[in-house]
Amino acid sequence: MKLLDKKYKIWLLDENNFDFPTLDMMNDDLVAIGGDFHPQRLVNAYENGLFPWFIDDYGYINWYSPNKRMVLYPNEIKVSKSLKKSILNKGFEVKSNENFEKVINSCAKVKRKHEDTTWIDDNFIKAYTSLYELGVAFSIETYLDNELVGGLYGLLINDIFCGESMFSTVNDASKVAFYHLCNQAKENGIKLIDCQVYNPHLESLGAYEISRENYFKILKF
């Protein structure tokens, strides 16, 4: 690795190996650039507390490890009265890994505040679909009248589910998927859901920010 910016400690990844900066080599949220979407590089990134977010104008993948990490312990999810009604009465059917490609493509089409374009381009879709085929990436899907109306996807890294993105075309559909993710996490011994960066939608479900240092302690034990 080559240090590109001493002040912010931004590193250029080595094309010949899959190493990433360690905690003591980090400063800003953006930690490294470069590399590729090789499955082993992606897994190594998550195992070391980083994730890819955007390909910049120069064609470099940008790798992040936020100073403030949004997380949720599965048993701490907040279920509002309206969400409980949706879970019980709206007729949603929830499945896992039935339609991963449609979930990630639907997430790519979501319009987000303050963003003109999505970071989930064809490179991301191909990379995470490959991880799905390898049994590393997973999706939770919400159906209504047999139509996919919401869902989420992410990676299972040891006993942490690293959430990537979610979408909804019907009110509460993505929240219902997240609720079922938490239930599956509790049943399968998953200790934490990594939500990456602050999101008011996830905050309403009980997610909150912790320091990067605390996240690394959880990640390594």
C-alpha atoms as a PDB file:
ATOM      1  CA  MET A   1       0.000   0.000   0.000  1.00  0.00           C
ATOM      2  CA  LYS A   2       1.063   3.551  -0.699  1.00  0.00           C
ATOM      3  CA  LEU A   3       0.146   6.526   1.481  1.00  0.00           C
ATOM      4  CA  LEU A   4      -1.409   9.179  -0.767  1.00  0.00           C
ATOM      5  CA  ASP A   5      -2.484  11.756   1.820  1.00  0.00           C
ATOM      6  CA  LYS A   6      -0.574  12.071   5.126  1.00  0.00           C
ATOM      7  CA  LYS A   7      -3.141  14.369   6.762  1.00  0.00           C
ATOM      8  CA  TYR A   8      -6.198  12.195   6.132  1.00  0.00           C
ATOM      9  CA  LYS A   9      -4.288   8.901   5.846  1.00  0.00           C
ATOM     10  CA  ILE A  10      -5.744   7.820   2.533  1.00  0.00           C
ATOM     11  CA  TRP A  11      -4.033   4.775   1.061  1.00  0.00           C
ATOM     12  CA  LEU A  12      -3.695   3.431  -2.477  1.00  0.00           C
ATOM     13  CA  LEU A  13      -4.289  -0.313  -2.388  1.00  0.00           C
ATOM     14  CA  ASP A  14      -1.779  -2.726  -3.827  1.00  0.00           C
ATOM     15  CA  GLU A  15      -3.062  -4.509  -6.902  1.00  0.00           C
ATOM     16  CA  ASN A  16      -0.943  -7.574  -6.090  1.00  0.00           C
ATOM     17  CA  ASN A  17      -2.482  -8.446  -2.707  1.00  0.00           C
ATOM     18  CA  PHE A  18      -5.721  -8.009  -0.796  1.00  0.00           C
ATOM     19  CA  ASP A  19      -4.366  -6.206   2.273  1.00  0.00           C
ATOM     20  CA  PHE A  20      -6.153  -3.233   3.846  1.00  0.00           C
ATOM     21  CA  PRO A  21      -5.077  -0.517   6.297  1.00  0.00           C
ATOM     22  CA  THR A  22      -5.363  -1.401   9.980  1.00  0.00           C
ATOM     23  CA  LEU A  23      -7.133   0.752  12.569  1.00  0.00           C
ATOM     24  CA  ASP A  24      -3.974   2.649  13.524  1.00  0.00           C
ATOM     25  CA  MET A  25      -3.496   3.581   9.850  1.00  0.00           C
ATOM     26  CA  MET A  26      -6.907   5.300   9.611  1.00  0.00           C
ATOM     27  CA  ASN A  27      -7.975   8.882  10.165  1.00  0.00           C
ATOM     28  CA  ASP A  28     -10.871  10.099   8.000  1.00  0.00           C
ATOM     29  CA  ASP A  29     -13.949   8.096   6.941  1.00  0.00           C
ATOM     30  CA  LEU A  30     -12.400   7.526   3.510  1.00  0.00           C
ATOM     31  CA  VAL A  31      -9.524   5.152   4.180  1.00  0.00           C
ATOM     32  CA  ALA A  32      -8.333   3.791   0.830  1.00  0.00           C
ATOM     33  CA  ILE A  33      -8.838   3.884  -2.914  1.00  0.00           C
ATOM     34  CA  GLY A  34      -8.065   1.471  -5.717  1.00  0.00           C
ATOM     35  CA  GLY A  35      -8.106  -2.286  -5.859  1.00  0.00           C
ATOM     36  CA  ASP A  36     -10.866  -4.278  -7.481  1.00  0.00           C
ATOM     37  CA  PHE A  37     -13.995  -6.290  -6.684  1.00  0.00           C
ATOM     38  CA  HIS A  38     -12.293  -9.670  -6.377  1.00  0.00           C
ATOM     39  CA  PRO A  39     -14.426 -11.703  -3.920  1.00  0.00           C
ATOM     40  CA  GLN A  40     -11.510 -12.263  -1.546  1.00  0.00           C
ATOM     41  CA  ARG A  41     -10.687  -8.543  -1.507  1.00  0.00           C
ATOM     42  CA  LEU A  42     -14.306  -7.745  -0.656  1.00  0.00           C
ATOM     43  CA  VAL A  43     -14.413 -10.301   2.165  1.00  0.00           C
ATOM     44  CA  ASN A  44     -11.071  -9.027   3.503  1.00  0.00           C
ATOM     45  CA  ALA A  45     -12.432  -5.488   3.477  1.00  0.00           C
ATOM     46  CA  TYR A  46     -15.435  -6.332   5.632  1.00  0.00           C
ATOM     47  CA  GLU A  47     -13.340  -8.481   7.955  1.00  0.00           C
ATOM     48  CA  ASN A  48     -11.144  -5.426   8.493  1.00  0.00           C
ATOM     49  CA  GLY A  49     -13.980  -2.961   9.039  1.00  0.00           C
ATOM     50  CA  LEU A  50     -14.115  -1.394   5.563  1.00  0.00           C
ATOM     51  CA  PHE A  51     -16.620  -1.425   2.742  1.00  0.00           C
ATOM     52  CA  PRO A  52     -16.648  -0.054  -0.828  1.00  0.00           C
ATOM     53  CA  TRP A  53     -18.738   3.041  -1.426  1.00  0.00           C
ATOM     54  CA  PHE A  54     -18.683   4.720  -4.817  1.00  0.00           C
ATOM     55  CA  ILE A  55     -16.317   4.521  -7.764  1.00  0.00           C
ATOM     56  CA  ASP A  56     -14.822   7.996  -8.248  1.00  0.00           C
ATOM     57  CA  ASP A  57     -14.380   9.960 -11.454  1.00  0.00           C
ATOM     58  CA  TYR A  58     -10.932   8.434 -11.948  1.00  0.00           C
ATOM     59  CA  GLY A  59     -12.270   4.888 -11.814  1.00  0.00           C
ATOM     60  CA  TYR A  60     -10.959   4.124  -8.305  1.00  0.00           C
ATOM     61  CA  ILE A  61     -13.084   2.206  -5.827  1.00  0.00           C
ATOM     62  CA  ASN A  62     -13.419   4.248  -2.609  1.00  0.00           C
ATOM     63  CA  TRP A  63     -13.150   2.220   0.607  1.00  0.00           C
ATOM     64  CA  TYR A  64     -14.689   3.580   3.813  1.00  0.00           C
ATOM     65  CA  SER A  65     -14.515   2.901   7.523  1.00  0.00           C
ATOM     66  CA  PRO A  66     -16.637   5.610   9.206  1.00  0.00           C
ATOM     67  CA  ASN A  67     -15.442   7.218  12.430  1.00  0.00           C
ATOM     68  CA  LYS A  68     -19.044   6.838  13.602  1.00  0.00           C
ATOM     69  CA  ARG A  69     -20.528   3.440  12.742  1.00  0.00           C
ATOM     70  CA  MET A  70     -24.288   2.869  12.673  1.00  0.00           C
ATOM     71  CA  VAL A  71     -25.129  -0.490  14.271  1.00  0.00           C
ATOM     72  CA  LEU A  72     -28.035  -2.417  15.741  1.00  0.00           C
ATOM     73  CA  TYR A  73     -28.081  -5.323  18.150  1.00  0.00           C
ATOM     74  CA  PRO A  74     -30.854  -7.647  16.892  1.00  0.00           C
ATOM     75  CA  ASN A  75     -32.606  -7.838  20.257  1.00  0.00           C
ATOM     76  CA  GLU A  76     -32.773  -4.035  20.478  1.00  0.00           C
ATOM     77  CA  ILE A  77     -34.945  -3.434  17.409  1.00  0.00           C
ATOM     78  CA  LYS A  78     -37.794  -0.972  18.007  1.00  0.00           C
ATOM     79  CA  VAL A  79     -41.137  -2.023  16.589  1.00  0.00           C
ATOM     80  CA  SER A  80     -43.623   0.840  16.440  1.00  0.00           C
ATOM     81  CA  LYS A  81     -47.364   0.291  16.677  1.00  0.00           C
ATOM     82  CA  SER A  82     -47.773   1.063  12.976  1.00  0.00           C
ATOM     83  CA  LEU A  83     -45.016  -1.365  12.001  1.00  0.00           C
ATOM     84  CA  LYS A  84     -46.530  -4.056  14.208  1.00  0.00           C
ATOM     85  CA  LYS A  85     -49.846  -3.582  12.406  1.00  0.00           C
ATOM     86  CA  SER A  86     -48.099  -3.902   9.050  1.00  0.00           C
ATOM     87  CA  ILE A  87     -46.367  -7.100  10.163  1.00  0.00           C
ATOM     88  CA  LEU A  88     -49.586  -8.664  11.434  1.00  0.00           C
ATOM     89  CA  ASN A  89     -52.274  -7.335   9.132  1.00  0.00           C
ATOM     90  CA  LYS A  90     -50.911  -6.114   5.813  1.00  0.00           C
ATOM     91  CA  GLY A  91     -50.445  -9.529   4.258  1.00  0.00           C
ATOM     92  CA  PHE A  92     -46.682  -9.373   3.677  1.00  0.00           C
ATOM     93  CA  GLU A  93     -44.839 -12.601   2.927  1.00  0.00           C
ATOM     94  CA  VAL A  94     -41.129 -12.636   3.737  1.00  0.00           C
ATOM     95  CA  LYS A  95     -38.568 -14.890   2.076  1.00  0.00           C
ATOM     96  CA  SER A  96     -34.789 -15.212   2.032  1.00  0.00           C
ATOM     97  CA  ASN A  97     -32.495 -15.544  -0.984  1.00  0.00           C
ATOM     98  CA  GLU A  98     -35.300 -16.167  -3.456  1.00  0.00           C
ATOM     99  CA  ASN A  99     -34.564 -13.180  -5.682  1.00  0.00           C
ATOM    100  CA  PHE A 100     -31.203 -11.654  -4.769  1.00  0.00           C
ATOM    101  CA  GLU A 101     -30.517 -10.100  -8.173  1.00  0.00           C
ATOM    102  CA  LYS A 102     -33.884  -8.332  -8.282  1.00  0.00           C
ATOM    103  CA  VAL A 103     -33.336  -7.001  -4.757  1.00  0.00           C
ATOM    104  CA  ILE A 104     -29.942  -5.478  -5.551  1.00  0.00           C
ATOM    105  CA  ASN A 105     -31.202  -4.072  -8.847  1.00  0.00           C
ATOM    106  CA  SER A 106     -34.197  -2.539  -7.048  1.00  0.00           C
ATOM    107  CA  CYS A 107     -31.859  -1.004  -4.450  1.00  0.00           C
ATOM    108  CA  ALA A 108     -29.850   0.515  -7.301  1.00  0.00           C
ATOM    109  CA  LYS A 109     -32.956   2.323  -8.551  1.00  0.00           C
ATOM    110  CA  VAL A 110     -33.855   3.944  -5.226  1.00  0.00           C
ATOM    111  CA  LYS A 111     -33.725   7.740  -5.318  1.00  0.00           C
ATOM    112  CA  ARG A 112     -31.943   9.029  -2.228  1.00  0.00           C
ATOM    113  CA  LYS A 113     -31.892  12.525  -0.765  1.00  0.00           C
ATOM    114  CA  HIS A 114     -28.873  14.659  -1.732  1.00  0.00           C
ATOM    115  CA  GLU A 115     -27.720  12.081  -4.312  1.00  0.00           C
ATOM    116  CA  ASP A 116     -28.193  12.450  -8.057  1.00  0.00           C
ATOM    117  CA  THR A 117     -26.905   8.967  -8.841  1.00  0.00           C
ATOM    118  CA  THR A 118     -26.541   5.652  -7.025  1.00  0.00           C
ATOM    119  CA  TRP A 119     -23.238   4.045  -6.055  1.00  0.00           C
ATOM    120  CA  ILE A 120     -24.755   0.651  -6.915  1.00  0.00           C
ATOM    121  CA  ASP A 121     -23.676   0.494 -10.542  1.00  0.00           C
ATOM    122  CA  ASP A 122     -23.124  -2.580 -12.724  1.00  0.00           C
ATOM    123  CA  ASN A 123     -19.740  -3.218 -11.077  1.00  0.00           C
ATOM    124  CA  PHE A 124     -21.322  -3.437  -7.623  1.00  0.00           C
ATOM    125  CA  ILE A 125     -24.219  -5.559  -8.872  1.00  0.00           C
ATOM    126  CA  LYS A 126     -21.879  -8.051 -10.523  1.00  0.00           C
ATOM    127  CA  ALA A 127     -19.551  -8.182  -7.509  1.00  0.00           C
ATOM    128  CA  TYR A 128     -22.231  -8.753  -4.877  1.00  0.00           C
ATOM    129  CA  THR A 129     -24.116 -11.210  -7.063  1.00  0.00           C
ATOM    130  CA  SER A 130     -20.874 -13.207  -7.216  1.00  0.00           C
ATOM    131  CA  LEU A 131     -20.686 -13.087  -3.401  1.00  0.00           C
ATOM    132  CA  TYR A 132     -24.277 -14.316  -3.270  1.00  0.00           C
ATOM    133  CA  GLU A 133     -23.371 -17.235  -5.507  1.00  0.00           C
ATOM    134  CA  LEU A 134     -20.475 -18.003  -3.138  1.00  0.00           C
ATOM    135  CA  GLY A 135     -22.819 -18.026  -0.137  1.00  0.00           C
ATOM    136  CA  VAL A 136     -21.424 -14.838   1.408  1.00  0.00           C
ATOM    137  CA  ALA A 137     -24.126 -12.316   0.440  1.00  0.00           C
ATOM    138  CA  PHE A 138     -27.805 -12.737   1.327  1.00  0.00           C
ATOM    139  CA  SER A 139     -31.143 -11.044   0.735  1.00  0.00           C
ATOM    140  CA  ILE A 140     -34.357 -10.707   2.709  1.00  0.00           C
ATOM    141  CA  GLU A 141     -37.395 -10.062   0.519  1.00  0.00           C
ATOM    142  CA  THR A 142     -40.903  -8.797   1.222  1.00  0.00           C
ATOM    143  CA  TYR A 143     -43.742  -9.827  -1.075  1.00  0.00           C
ATOM    144  CA  LEU A 144     -47.322  -8.614  -1.337  1.00  0.00           C
ATOM    145  CA  ASP A 145     -49.729 -10.559  -3.547  1.00  0.00           C
ATOM    146  CA  ASN A 146     -46.703 -12.478  -4.891  1.00  0.00           C
ATOM    147  CA  GLU A 147     -44.984  -9.266  -6.005  1.00  0.00           C
ATOM    148  CA  LEU A 148     -41.590  -8.200  -4.641  1.00  0.00           C
ATOM    149  CA  VAL A 149     -42.257  -4.874  -2.895  1.00  0.00           C
ATOM    150  CA  GLY A 150     -39.296  -4.486  -0.567  1.00  0.00           C
ATOM    151  CA  GLY A 151     -36.117  -6.015   0.707  1.00  0.00           C
ATOM    152  CA  LEU A 152     -32.494  -5.678   1.699  1.00  0.00           C
ATOM    153  CA  TYR A 153     -29.169  -7.358   1.070  1.00  0.00           C
ATOM    154  CA  GLY A 154     -25.827  -7.648   2.803  1.00  0.00           C
ATOM    155  CA  LEU A 155     -22.942  -9.900   3.765  1.00  0.00           C
ATOM    156  CA  LEU A 156     -22.556 -12.294   6.661  1.00  0.00           C
ATOM    157  CA  ILE A 157     -19.023 -11.871   7.979  1.00  0.00           C
ATOM    158  CA  ASN A 158     -18.420 -14.257  10.864  1.00  0.00           C
ATOM    159  CA  ASP A 159     -21.240 -13.334  13.278  1.00  0.00           C
ATOM    160  CA  ILE A 160     -21.938  -9.827  11.959  1.00  0.00           C
ATOM    161  CA  PHE A 161     -24.458  -9.073   9.210  1.00  0.00           C
ATOM    162  CA  CYS A 162     -23.100  -6.168   7.168  1.00  0.00           C
ATOM    163  CA  GLY A 163     -26.133  -4.500   5.635  1.00  0.00           C
ATOM    164  CA  GLU A 164     -25.612  -2.865   2.255  1.00  0.00           C
ATOM    165  CA  SER A 165     -28.874  -1.393   1.018  1.00  0.00           C
ATOM    166  CA  MET A 166     -32.646  -1.693   1.173  1.00  0.00           C
ATOM    167  CA  PHE A 167     -35.620  -0.655  -0.918  1.00  0.00           C
ATOM    168  CA  SER A 168     -39.380  -0.390  -0.653  1.00  0.00           C
ATOM    169  CA  THR A 169     -42.175   0.252  -3.127  1.00  0.00           C
ATOM    170  CA  VAL A 170     -44.915  -0.179  -0.505  1.00  0.00           C
ATOM    171  CA  ASN A 171     -45.021   1.524   2.878  1.00  0.00           C
ATOM    172  CA  ASP A 172     -43.181  -0.452   5.598  1.00  0.00           C
ATOM    173  CA  ALA A 173     -42.015  -3.189   3.196  1.00  0.00           C
ATOM    174  CA  SER A 174     -38.309  -2.623   3.875  1.00  0.00           C
ATOM    175  CA  LYS A 175     -38.941  -2.268   7.628  1.00  0.00           C
ATOM    176  CA  VAL A 176     -40.724  -5.620   7.626  1.00  0.00           C
ATOM    177  CA  ALA A 177     -37.709  -7.159   5.867  1.00  0.00           C
ATOM    178  CA  PHE A 178     -35.418  -5.609   8.487  1.00  0.00           C
ATOM    179  CA  TYR A 179     -37.617  -6.919  11.296  1.00  0.00           C
ATOM    180  CA  HIS A 180     -37.312 -10.437   9.899  1.00  0.00           C
ATOM    181  CA  LEU A 181     -33.557  -9.984   9.486  1.00  0.00           C
ATOM    182  CA  CYS A 182     -33.331  -9.252  13.216  1.00  0.00           C
ATOM    183  CA  ASN A 183     -35.392 -12.340  14.022  1.00  0.00           C
ATOM    184  CA  GLN A 184     -33.188 -14.526  11.838  1.00  0.00           C
ATOM    185  CA  ALA A 185     -30.105 -12.963  13.402  1.00  0.00           C
ATOM    186  CA  LYS A 186     -31.305 -13.833  16.909  1.00  0.00           C
ATOM    187  CA  GLU A 187     -32.147 -17.387  15.870  1.00  0.00           C
ATOM    188  CA  ASN A 188     -28.767 -17.930  14.215  1.00  0.00           C
ATOM    189  CA  GLY A 189     -26.444 -16.318  16.730  1.00  0.00           C
ATOM    190  CA  ILE A 190     -25.644 -13.187  14.718  1.00  0.00           C
ATOM    191  CA  LYS A 191     -24.530 -10.682  17.330  1.00  0.00           C
ATOM    192  CA  LEU A 192     -24.686  -7.406  15.411  1.00  0.00           C
ATOM    193  CA  ILE A 193     -26.132  -5.773  12.303  1.00  0.00           C
ATOM    194  CA  ASP A 194     -23.738  -3.273  10.755  1.00  0.00           C
ATOM    195  CA  CYS A 195     -25.736  -0.431   9.192  1.00  0.00           C
ATOM    196  CA  GLN A 196     -22.559   1.458   8.198  1.00  0.00           C
ATOM    197  CA  VAL A 197     -23.573   5.136   8.241  1.00  0.00           C
ATOM    198  CA  TYR A 198     -26.288   7.193   9.916  1.00  0.00           C
ATOM    199  CA  ASN A 199     -29.755   6.811   8.466  1.00  0.00           C
ATOM    200  CA  PRO A 200     -32.911   8.212  10.149  1.00  0.00           C
ATOM    201  CA  HIS A 201     -34.928   5.303   8.732  1.00  0.00           C
ATOM    202  CA  LEU A 202     -32.707   2.837  10.627  1.00  0.00           C
ATOM    203  CA  GLU A 203     -32.487   5.070  13.691  1.00  0.00           C
ATOM    204  CA  SER A 204     -36.267   4.777  14.013  1.00  0.00           C
ATOM    205  CA  LEU A 205     -35.780   1.006  14.195  1.00  0.00           C
ATOM    206  CA  GLY A 206     -33.275   1.249  17.031  1.00  0.00           C
ATOM    207  CA  ALA A 207     -29.922   1.600  15.274  1.00  0.00           C
ATOM    208  CA  TYR A 208     -27.390   4.038  16.717  1.00  0.00           C
ATOM    209  CA  GLU A 209     -23.823   5.213  16.198  1.00  0.00           C
ATOM    210  CA  ILE A 210     -20.760   3.873  17.974  1.00  0.00           C
ATOM    211  CA  SER A 211     -17.113   4.841  17.531  1.00  0.00           C
ATOM    212  CA  ARG A 212     -14.949   3.148  14.933  1.00  0.00           C
ATOM    213  CA  GLU A 213     -12.746   1.864  17.760  1.00  0.00           C
ATOM    214  CA  ASN A 214     -15.694   0.179  19.485  1.00  0.00           C
ATOM    215  CA  TYR A 215     -16.864  -1.326  16.206  1.00  0.00           C
ATOM    216  CA  PHE A 216     -13.421  -2.848  15.672  1.00  0.00           C
ATOM    217  CA  LYS A 217     -13.494  -4.344  19.173  1.00  0.00           C
ATOM    218  CA  ILE A 218     -16.805  -6.042  18.344  1.00  0.00           C
ATOM    219  CA  LEU A 219     -15.537  -7.087  14.914  1.00  0.00           C
ATOM    220  CA  LYS A 220     -12.405  -8.742  16.270  1.00  0.00           C
ATOM    221  CA  PHE A 221     -14.006 -10.697  19.135  1.00  0.00           C
END
